[in-house]
Protein backbone atom coordinates (compact mmCIF):
# COMPACT_ATOMS: atom_id res chain seq x y z
CA MET A 1 115.72 117.21 168.22
CA GLY A 2 112.05 118.42 167.46
CA GLN A 3 108.83 116.48 166.92
CA THR A 4 107.69 115.65 163.03
CA LYS A 5 104.48 117.42 162.38
CA LEU A 6 101.55 115.04 160.82
CA PRO A 7 99.72 116.29 158.48
CA LYS A 8 96.00 116.05 159.88
CA ALA A 9 94.56 113.36 157.75
CA VAL A 10 97.43 111.07 158.72
CA ARG A 11 97.05 112.15 162.37
CA ASP A 12 92.98 111.60 162.57
CA ALA A 13 93.81 107.97 160.95
CA LEU A 14 96.05 107.18 163.53
CA HIS A 15 94.92 105.44 166.92
CA PRO A 16 95.37 108.68 169.78
CA TYR A 17 98.03 105.74 171.50
CA LEU A 18 100.02 105.90 168.32
CA LEU A 19 100.86 109.43 167.75
CA ASN A 20 104.09 110.24 168.65
CA ALA A 21 105.01 106.23 168.39
CA VAL A 22 108.89 105.40 167.83
CA LEU A 23 107.90 101.73 167.24
CA VAL A 24 105.19 99.12 168.07
CA ILE A 25 105.07 96.03 168.39
CA VAL A 26 102.56 93.28 167.33
CA ASP A 27 101.84 89.65 168.36
CA ARG A 28 100.87 88.25 165.06
CA ASN A 29 99.60 84.71 167.19
CA LYS A 30 96.52 87.04 168.47
CA LYS A 31 94.58 87.47 165.86
CA LYS A 32 91.26 86.98 166.93
CA PRO A 33 89.67 90.15 168.11
CA ILE A 34 88.33 90.36 171.24
CA ASP A 35 85.78 93.66 171.80
CA SER A 36 86.54 95.48 174.18
CA ARG A 37 84.76 99.07 173.76
CA SER A 38 83.42 98.45 177.29
CA LYS A 39 86.41 98.60 179.09
CA PRO A 40 88.07 102.22 179.90
CA LEU A 41 90.07 103.84 177.10
CA TRP A 42 93.25 102.29 178.30
CA GLN A 43 92.21 98.93 178.61
CA GLN A 44 90.91 98.13 175.62
CA SER A 45 92.66 95.85 173.13
CA LEU A 46 94.35 97.40 169.99
CA TYR A 47 94.60 95.57 166.77
CA VAL A 48 96.53 95.80 163.03
CA VAL A 49 94.47 95.13 160.41
CA LEU A 50 95.77 94.59 156.93
CA LYS A 51 92.87 95.82 154.22
CA ARG A 52 93.05 94.28 150.94
CA ASP A 53 94.07 97.54 149.45
CA GLY A 54 97.30 97.24 150.93
CA THR A 55 96.87 100.06 153.84
CA TYR A 56 96.45 99.18 157.64
CA LEU A 57 94.09 100.43 160.12
CA CYS A 58 94.40 100.37 164.06
CA GLY A 59 91.97 100.36 166.38
CA CYS A 60 89.50 98.54 168.48
CA CYS A 61 87.88 95.10 167.05
CA GLY A 62 85.33 92.85 167.14
CA MET A 63 83.33 90.03 165.58
CA GLU A 64 79.56 91.07 164.34
CA ASN A 65 77.75 88.03 162.50
CA GLY A 66 81.30 87.31 160.86
CA THR A 67 81.81 90.71 160.33
CA LEU A 68 85.21 92.54 161.38
CA VAL A 69 83.96 95.76 162.82
CA VAL A 70 87.16 98.31 163.50
CA HIS A 71 86.92 101.26 165.65
CA PRO A 72 89.77 103.35 165.06
CA GLN A 73 88.81 106.45 166.85
CA PRO A 74 87.96 105.68 170.43
CA GLN A 75 86.11 109.07 170.87
CA ARG A 76 83.75 109.26 168.37
CA VAL A 77 81.37 105.84 168.56
CA ASP A 78 79.87 106.31 165.39
CA ALA A 79 83.44 105.83 163.82
CA ARG A 80 83.02 102.56 163.09
CA GLU A 81 84.56 100.29 160.07
CA GLN A 82 83.13 97.32 158.88
CA PHE A 83 85.09 94.66 156.45
CA ARG A 84 84.22 90.94 155.67
CA ASN A 85 86.54 89.17 157.53
CA HIS A 86 89.13 87.19 155.78
CA ARG A 87 87.48 88.63 152.11
CA ASP A 88 87.62 92.92 152.57
CA ALA A 89 90.41 93.14 155.99
CA GLU A 90 92.23 90.45 158.18
CA VAL A 91 93.53 91.30 161.75
CA VAL A 92 97.33 91.20 161.52
CA GLY A 93 97.89 90.66 165.34
CA GLN A 94 97.30 93.02 168.37
CA ILE A 95 99.26 95.75 169.77
CA VAL A 96 101.01 94.51 172.88
CA THR A 97 103.74 97.25 173.30
CA ILE A 98 104.11 101.31 171.73
CA VAL A 99 107.18 102.59 172.45
CA ARG A 100 107.42 106.49 172.68
CA ARG A 101 110.83 109.07 173.18
CA LEU A 102 111.37 110.71 176.30
CA LEU A 103 112.15 114.32 176.37
């Protein structure tokens, strides 16, 4: 069975760890983001963020002066999005498991 090709815009919007994922488990009890960007990429916590327009975003998150800061692309330091916490966006939970299909 072949892999599904995602459009470039979708691939760019996804965190690299989520590419080719079959199932993602989110712990909805872990809603307080801890900025872990100083850790190696494999140790950084990923969070699912729900924006008020109904779209989701995934990435490393942190709080800066009451502002939710999301870093969806770990290889691009300048790629960050800022939201007013609980107004423009809110953390749904922390990703604790990513399941991929083995070929």
